[in-house]
Protein backbone atom coordinates (compact mmCIF):
# COMPACT_ATOMS: atom_id res chain seq x y z
CA MET A 1 17.25 12.76 33.50
CA SER A 2 14.47 10.16 33.45
CA PRO A 3 12.99 9.05 30.08
CA TRP A 4 9.61 10.59 30.96
CA THR A 5 11.16 13.94 31.85
CA PHE A 6 13.08 13.92 28.56
CA ILE A 7 9.92 13.09 26.60
CA LEU A 8 7.97 15.91 28.27
CA ASP A 9 10.78 18.42 27.75
CA HIS A 10 11.11 17.49 24.05
CA ARG A 11 7.45 16.80 23.29
CA GLY A 12 7.37 19.30 20.40
CA GLU A 13 10.30 17.64 18.67
CA ILE A 14 8.87 14.20 19.33
CA LEU A 15 5.47 15.21 17.96
CA SER A 16 7.09 16.57 14.79
CA ALA A 17 9.03 13.32 14.32
CA THR A 18 5.84 11.34 14.94
CA LEU A 19 4.02 13.29 12.23
CA ASP A 20 6.93 12.68 9.82
CA HIS A 21 6.82 8.99 10.68
CA PHE A 22 3.06 8.86 10.20
CA THR A 23 3.35 10.63 6.84
CA LEU A 24 5.94 8.12 5.60
CA VAL A 25 3.72 5.22 6.60
CA VAL A 26 0.54 6.67 5.07
CA ILE A 27 2.20 7.45 1.73
CA ALA A 28 3.92 4.06 1.54
CA MET A 29 0.73 2.18 2.47
CA ALA A 30 -1.37 4.12 -0.05
CA ILE A 31 1.05 3.22 -2.84
CA ALA A 32 1.32 -0.40 -1.68
CA ILE A 33 -2.48 -0.77 -1.64
CA LEU A 34 -2.79 0.81 -5.09
CA ILE A 35 -0.26 -1.73 -6.40
CA GLY A 36 -1.02 -4.81 -4.28
CA VAL A 37 -4.82 -5.00 -4.48
CA PRO A 38 -5.17 -4.58 -8.27
CA LEU A 39 -2.23 -6.94 -8.83
CA GLY A 40 -3.82 -9.49 -6.49
CA MET A 41 -7.03 -9.26 -8.50
CA PHE A 42 -5.12 -9.60 -11.76
CA ILE A 43 -3.26 -12.81 -10.79
CA VAL A 44 -6.37 -14.72 -9.69
CA GLN A 45 -6.78 -16.35 -13.11
CA ARG A 46 -3.09 -16.26 -14.10
CA PRO A 47 -1.04 -18.98 -12.33
CA THR A 48 2.30 -18.14 -13.96
CA LEU A 49 2.09 -14.45 -13.17
CA ARG A 50 0.86 -15.31 -9.66
CA THR A 51 3.97 -17.40 -8.97
CA ILE A 52 6.26 -14.65 -10.24
CA ALA A 53 4.50 -11.81 -8.37
CA LEU A 54 4.30 -13.64 -5.04
CA GLY A 55 7.87 -14.89 -5.43
CA ILE A 56 9.30 -11.42 -6.03
CA ALA A 57 7.27 -9.94 -3.16
CA SER A 58 8.52 -12.74 -0.88
CA ILE A 59 12.13 -12.03 -1.82
CA PHE A 60 11.80 -8.36 -0.82
CA GLN A 61 10.28 -9.46 2.49
CA THR A 62 13.33 -11.61 3.32
CA ILE A 63 15.92 -8.86 2.73
CA PRO A 64 17.02 -7.21 6.00
CA SER A 65 15.50 -3.74 6.17
CA LEU A 66 18.73 -1.80 6.56
CA ALA A 67 20.27 -3.73 3.66
CA LEU A 68 17.28 -2.94 1.43
CA PHE A 69 17.58 0.77 2.19
CA GLY A 70 21.26 0.54 1.30
CA PHE A 71 20.63 -1.34 -1.95
CA LEU A 72 18.16 1.31 -3.11
CA ILE A 73 20.40 4.35 -2.53
CA PRO A 74 22.49 4.06 -5.74
CA ILE A 75 19.50 3.26 -8.01
CA PRO A 76 18.63 6.18 -10.34
CA PHE A 77 15.29 7.97 -9.93
CA ILE A 78 14.09 5.93 -6.93
CA GLY A 79 17.29 5.98 -4.89
CA GLY A 80 19.30 8.58 -3.04
CA ILE A 81 19.20 9.92 0.50
CA GLY A 82 15.88 10.99 1.97
CA LYS A 83 12.18 10.23 2.05
CA ARG A 84 11.81 9.01 -1.55
CA THR A 85 14.08 6.00 -1.06
CA ALA A 86 12.47 5.26 2.30
CA ILE A 87 8.99 5.23 0.76
CA VAL A 88 10.10 2.86 -2.02
CA ALA A 89 11.58 0.46 0.55
CA LEU A 90 8.47 0.61 2.73
CA VAL A 91 6.24 -0.10 -0.27
CA LEU A 92 8.31 -3.17 -1.15
CA TYR A 93 7.98 -4.46 2.43
CA ALA A 94 4.22 -3.86 2.52
CA LEU A 95 3.44 -5.54 -0.80
CA LEU A 96 3.58 -9.22 0.22
CA PRO A 97 0.85 -9.27 2.92
CA ILE A 98 -1.46 -7.11 0.78
CA LEU A 99 -0.87 -9.10 -2.41
CA ARG A 100 -1.12 -12.49 -0.72
CA ASN A 101 -4.26 -11.67 1.27
CA THR A 102 -5.93 -10.17 -1.78
CA TYR A 103 -5.31 -13.37 -3.73
CA VAL A 104 -6.33 -15.62 -0.82
CA GLY A 105 -9.47 -13.60 -0.16
CA LEU A 106 -10.56 -13.66 -3.80
CA THR A 107 -9.92 -17.39 -4.23
CA GLY A 108 -11.21 -18.56 -0.84
CA ILE A 109 -14.87 -17.95 -1.62
CA ASP A 110 -17.42 -20.77 -1.47
CA PRO A 111 -17.54 -22.36 -4.96
CA ALA A 112 -21.34 -22.59 -4.68
CA VAL A 113 -21.53 -18.79 -4.56
CA LEU A 114 -19.42 -18.50 -7.70
CA GLU A 115 -21.45 -21.16 -9.47
CA SER A 116 -24.64 -19.27 -8.65
CA ALA A 117 -23.14 -16.09 -10.08
CA GLU A 118 -22.16 -17.93 -13.27
CA ALA A 119 -25.65 -19.43 -13.53
CA MET A 120 -27.06 -15.91 -13.43
CA GLY A 121 -25.05 -15.11 -16.55
CA MET A 122 -22.43 -12.89 -14.92
CA THR A 123 -19.11 -12.47 -16.72
CA ARG A 124 -15.72 -13.06 -15.09
CA SER A 125 -15.25 -9.35 -14.55
CA GLN A 126 -18.71 -8.99 -13.00
CA ILE A 127 -18.07 -11.95 -10.71
CA LEU A 128 -14.72 -10.46 -9.68
CA PHE A 129 -16.04 -6.98 -8.84
CA ARG A 130 -19.56 -7.80 -7.67
CA VAL A 131 -19.05 -11.12 -5.90
CA ARG A 132 -15.42 -11.96 -5.14
CA LEU A 133 -14.21 -8.49 -4.11
CA PRO A 134 -17.02 -7.62 -1.64
CA LEU A 135 -16.71 -11.05 0.01
CA ALA A 136 -12.92 -10.81 0.17
CA LEU A 137 -12.74 -7.32 1.71
CA ALA A 138 -12.23 -8.54 5.28
CA VAL A 139 -9.34 -10.79 4.27
CA ILE A 140 -7.79 -8.02 2.16
CA LEU A 141 -8.08 -5.63 5.09
CA ALA A 142 -6.34 -8.19 7.31
CA GLY A 143 -3.39 -8.07 4.90
CA ILE A 144 -3.42 -4.27 4.96
CA ARG A 145 -3.49 -4.38 8.75
CA THR A 146 -0.44 -6.66 8.86
CA ALA A 147 1.40 -4.54 6.28
CA THR A 148 0.67 -1.36 8.25
CA ILE A 149 2.17 -2.75 11.45
CA ILE A 150 5.24 -3.95 9.56
CA THR A 151 5.62 -0.58 7.85
CA ILE A 152 5.41 1.39 11.10
CA GLY A 153 8.22 -0.71 12.54
CA VAL A 154 10.46 -0.70 9.45
CA ALA A 155 9.96 3.06 9.02
CA THR A 156 12.17 3.63 12.07
CA ILE A 157 15.11 2.43 9.94
CA ALA A 158 14.39 5.22 7.45
CA ALA A 159 16.24 7.63 9.72
CA ALA A 160 19.47 5.88 8.70
CA ILE A 161 19.15 7.38 5.20
CA GLY A 162 18.01 10.83 6.30
CA ALA A 163 14.25 10.29 5.92
CA GLY A 164 13.43 11.48 9.44
CA GLY A 165 10.75 9.98 11.61
CA LEU A 166 10.96 8.44 15.05
CA GLY A 167 14.03 6.44 14.14
CA THR A 168 16.12 9.59 14.54
CA PHE A 169 15.67 9.37 18.31
CA ILE A 170 16.39 5.65 18.36
CA PHE A 171 19.63 5.99 16.35
CA ARG A 172 20.75 8.95 18.47
CA GLY A 173 19.92 7.00 21.60
CA VAL A 174 21.95 3.99 20.47
CA ALA A 175 24.91 6.22 19.55
CA LEU A 176 24.81 8.03 22.89
CA VAL A 177 23.75 4.96 24.92
CA SER A 178 20.72 6.90 26.13
CA ASP A 179 17.59 5.04 27.19
CA ALA A 180 15.65 8.31 27.22
CA LEU A 181 16.37 8.98 23.54
CA ILE A 182 15.61 5.41 22.53
CA LEU A 183 12.28 5.43 24.39
CA ALA A 184 11.42 8.84 22.90
CA GLY A 185 11.39 7.13 19.51
CA ALA A 186 10.22 3.65 20.50
CA ILE A 187 7.19 4.61 22.60
CA PRO A 188 5.44 6.79 19.96
CA ALA A 189 6.20 4.16 17.28
CA ALA A 190 4.66 1.46 19.45
CA LEU A 191 1.62 3.66 20.13
CA LEU A 192 1.17 4.28 16.39
CA ALA A 193 1.29 0.54 15.76
CA LEU A 194 -1.22 -0.20 18.54
CA ILE A 195 -3.64 2.49 17.35
CA ALA A 196 -3.41 1.31 13.73
CA ASP A 197 -3.89 -2.31 14.79
CA PHE A 198 -6.93 -1.44 16.89
CA LEU A 199 -8.63 0.70 14.23
CA LEU A 200 -7.96 -1.67 11.34
CA GLY A 201 -8.86 -4.66 13.50
CA PHE A 202 -12.17 -3.04 14.42
CA LEU A 203 -12.93 -2.35 10.75
CA GLU A 204 -11.94 -5.89 9.81
CA ARG A 205 -14.30 -7.38 12.41
CA ARG A 206 -17.14 -5.17 11.17
CA LEU A 207 -16.60 -6.36 7.62
CA ARG A 208 -16.56 -10.02 8.71
CA ILE A 209 -19.82 -9.57 10.63
CA SER A 210 -21.54 -7.80 7.74
């Protein structure tokens, strides 16, 4: 059976796995953004905390994905088998690009703009929310874009701990030495990544132009 015939014959199952995969990514990215962006804003004026936060996020990024999933399983409350552990691992992988780009975007603004804001009598908080953040949005979105692509790819490993998603086809395909099964998982995952990259890239360009 050719890969395309297999995909057509099992399109319902593949669509269901794709939706599971998409749900994992969306939940993980939402949590990572809610953590990474505020933390990136918080460390702008705090060098010690900045070093610690970026260092810890970098360490998580260097751990092999399958190993990180394994390390999390025995941890109480956040570990175990299933989607919860997968989401925690995906959040940890997504944090670094979001956190780093938020910091870089907020600190890479023309000093003359900041001096003008200070001359107008704006407080640090006002400068952060009214000047730095709007000007840094494109850079922050670039970090979110990178994190999303990473998360879509790493989410395929989530199938190893029973979290579902497109990785189920890939793992089954490897076990059975079946190209059709592997492609049934790899092609939709690649399409998700391309669509996310295009949409977020388009939004990023619009923000840079405006």
